[in-house]
Amino acid sequence: MNTPSPARRLTKQRQIILEKLRAVTSHPTADEVYDMVRKDLPKISLGTVYRNLEVLNADGHIQIIRAPGGQKRFDADTSPHHHVVCIHCGAVGDVFNVKDNPVDQTRMMSDFTILGQTTFFYGICPQCQPKSVPNAPRGIS
């Protein structure tokens, strides 16, 4: 979770990036967002997309998904939820309404100021299931 900074102007570029992210649930990488945005803004650079994704995150419009071992992905759904990651292809999906929320317990057991919490579940997505072996890689439990 991020704490929004003072709101900045939602430029045309930021608005289009945000619209493209809101239109998908695939949690695209910056490169994938760049490919989506270029259809409307053919002269936009990858660096501009990266910078605007960071600004949109800082302003609380989107969240950055940093799954261990994977690329940064971006999510326009900023509501509290968790994510599931495919151990084969890296696809990311949303998981809502998980009842076990350890935030209060963590607040009591640490001297950290807790700003938010996310959990990553690992599995095999429907596209990879037919070609997969049900053994998880080492380090995932």
Protein backbone atom coordinates (compact mmCIF):
# COMPACT_ATOMS: atom_id res chain seq x y z
CA MET A 1 0.00 0.00 0.00
CA ASN A 2 1.14 3.50 -0.59
CA THR A 3 0.33 6.76 1.14
CA PRO A 4 -0.80 9.20 -1.54
CA SER A 5 1.29 12.32 -2.03
CA PRO A 6 -0.34 15.66 -2.73
CA ALA A 7 -2.34 15.27 -5.92
CA ARG A 8 -0.62 16.24 -9.12
CA ARG A 9 -2.35 17.18 -12.29
CA LEU A 10 -3.66 14.19 -14.21
CA THR A 11 -1.99 14.94 -17.55
CA LYS A 12 -3.27 13.47 -20.82
CA GLN A 13 -0.49 10.86 -20.70
CA ARG A 14 -1.32 9.87 -17.11
CA GLN A 15 -5.03 9.76 -17.90
CA ILE A 16 -4.48 7.39 -20.84
CA ILE A 17 -2.12 5.16 -18.83
CA LEU A 18 -4.69 5.01 -16.03
CA GLU A 19 -7.54 4.23 -18.46
CA LYS A 20 -5.52 1.40 -20.02
CA LEU A 21 -4.72 -0.07 -16.60
CA ARG A 22 -8.35 0.17 -15.48
CA ALA A 23 -9.42 -1.71 -18.62
CA VAL A 24 -7.45 -4.85 -17.73
CA THR A 25 -7.11 -7.21 -14.77
CA SER A 26 -3.87 -8.80 -15.99
CA HIS A 27 -1.49 -6.71 -13.85
CA PRO A 28 0.69 -5.70 -16.81
CA THR A 29 4.40 -4.92 -16.68
CA ALA A 30 5.61 -1.45 -17.68
CA ASP A 31 6.54 -2.82 -21.12
CA GLU A 32 3.00 -4.15 -21.56
CA VAL A 33 1.50 -0.84 -20.44
CA TYR A 34 3.80 0.91 -22.93
CA ASP A 35 2.50 -1.32 -25.74
CA MET A 36 -1.12 -0.57 -24.75
CA VAL A 37 -0.57 3.20 -24.49
CA ARG A 38 1.33 3.51 -27.79
CA LYS A 39 -1.90 2.82 -29.67
CA ASP A 40 -3.22 6.18 -28.42
CA LEU A 41 0.10 7.99 -28.00
CA PRO A 42 2.46 6.63 -30.68
CA LYS A 43 5.28 9.06 -29.78
CA ILE A 44 5.37 8.28 -26.06
CA SER A 45 8.62 6.82 -24.77
CA LEU A 46 9.06 3.85 -22.47
CA GLY A 47 10.81 6.13 -19.97
CA THR A 48 7.78 8.44 -19.90
CA VAL A 49 5.51 5.47 -19.21
CA TYR A 50 7.79 4.31 -16.36
CA ARG A 51 7.88 7.80 -14.80
CA ASN A 52 4.12 8.24 -15.07
CA LEU A 53 3.44 4.81 -13.56
CA GLU A 54 5.57 5.85 -10.56
CA VAL A 55 3.67 9.15 -10.28
CA LEU A 56 0.29 7.39 -10.51
CA ASN A 57 1.43 5.02 -7.76
CA ALA A 58 2.73 7.86 -5.55
CA ASP A 59 -0.57 9.71 -5.99
CA GLY A 60 -2.58 6.63 -5.00
CA HIS A 61 -4.23 5.98 -8.39
CA ILE A 62 -2.56 2.59 -8.91
CA GLN A 63 -0.46 0.13 -6.97
CA ILE A 64 2.80 -1.53 -7.86
CA ILE A 65 2.89 -5.30 -7.46
CA ARG A 66 6.37 -6.51 -6.54
CA ALA A 67 6.04 -10.28 -6.55
CA PRO A 68 9.24 -11.94 -5.36
CA GLY A 69 11.39 -13.01 -8.29
CA GLY A 70 9.27 -11.24 -10.89
CA GLN A 71 9.01 -7.97 -12.75
CA LYS A 72 7.12 -5.02 -11.29
CA ARG A 73 3.49 -5.17 -12.31
CA PHE A 74 0.81 -2.51 -12.06
CA ASP A 75 -2.75 -2.70 -10.74
CA ALA A 76 -5.42 0.00 -11.04
CA ASP A 77 -7.45 -1.66 -8.27
CA THR A 78 -6.20 -0.01 -5.09
CA SER A 79 -8.76 -1.67 -2.82
CA PRO A 80 -7.33 -4.00 -0.16
CA HIS A 81 -6.68 -7.39 -1.74
CA HIS A 82 -4.04 -10.05 -2.22
CA HIS A 83 -2.47 -11.59 -5.31
CA VAL A 84 -1.86 -15.06 -6.70
CA VAL A 85 1.22 -15.65 -8.87
CA CYS A 86 1.75 -18.48 -11.36
CA ILE A 87 5.03 -20.25 -10.62
CA HIS A 88 5.45 -21.10 -14.31
CA CYS A 89 4.63 -18.00 -16.36
CA GLY A 90 4.46 -15.27 -13.69
CA ALA A 91 0.84 -14.32 -14.38
CA VAL A 92 -0.73 -12.40 -11.50
CA GLY A 93 -4.36 -12.52 -10.40
CA ASP A 94 -6.42 -10.85 -7.67
CA VAL A 95 -7.66 -12.55 -4.51
CA PHE A 96 -10.39 -10.73 -2.57
CA ASN A 97 -12.03 -11.24 0.81
CA VAL A 98 -9.32 -13.32 2.45
CA LYS A 99 -10.41 -13.40 6.09
CA ASP A 100 -7.00 -13.87 7.73
CA ASN A 101 -5.54 -10.38 8.07
CA PRO A 102 -2.44 -10.21 10.28
CA VAL A 103 -2.09 -6.40 10.25
CA ASP A 104 -3.38 -5.84 13.81
CA GLN A 105 -1.25 -8.65 15.21
CA THR A 106 1.82 -7.31 13.39
CA ARG A 107 1.17 -3.84 14.82
CA MET A 108 1.12 -5.29 18.32
CA MET A 109 4.22 -7.46 17.83
CA SER A 110 6.56 -4.96 16.17
CA ASP A 111 7.67 -1.38 16.53
CA PHE A 112 6.87 -0.69 12.87
CA THR A 113 4.15 1.68 11.72
CA ILE A 114 2.18 -0.59 9.40
CA LEU A 115 1.06 1.19 6.24
CA GLY A 116 -0.51 -1.76 4.50
CA GLN A 117 -0.21 -5.42 3.79
CA THR A 118 -0.36 -7.73 0.83
CA THR A 119 0.01 -11.47 0.55
CA PHE A 120 1.23 -13.44 -2.43
CA PHE A 121 -0.19 -16.89 -3.02
CA TYR A 122 1.65 -19.12 -5.47
CA GLY A 123 0.08 -21.63 -7.79
CA ILE A 124 -0.30 -22.67 -11.39
CA CYS A 125 -2.57 -20.60 -13.63
CA PRO A 126 -5.22 -22.28 -15.82
CA GLN A 127 -3.10 -21.79 -18.98
CA CYS A 128 -0.09 -23.56 -17.42
CA GLN A 129 -1.99 -26.33 -15.62
CA PRO A 130 -2.23 -28.72 -18.59
CA LYS A 131 1.55 -28.65 -19.14
CA SER A 132 2.66 -28.56 -15.51
CA VAL A 133 3.87 -31.01 -12.93
CA PRO A 134 2.27 -30.39 -9.51
CA ASN A 135 5.60 -29.95 -7.68
CA ALA A 136 6.35 -26.42 -6.43
CA PRO A 137 9.85 -25.07 -6.98
CA ARG A 138 12.19 -24.93 -3.98
CA GLY A 139 11.71 -21.98 -1.69
CA ILE A 140 7.95 -21.70 -2.09
CA SER A 141 5.91 -22.98 0.80
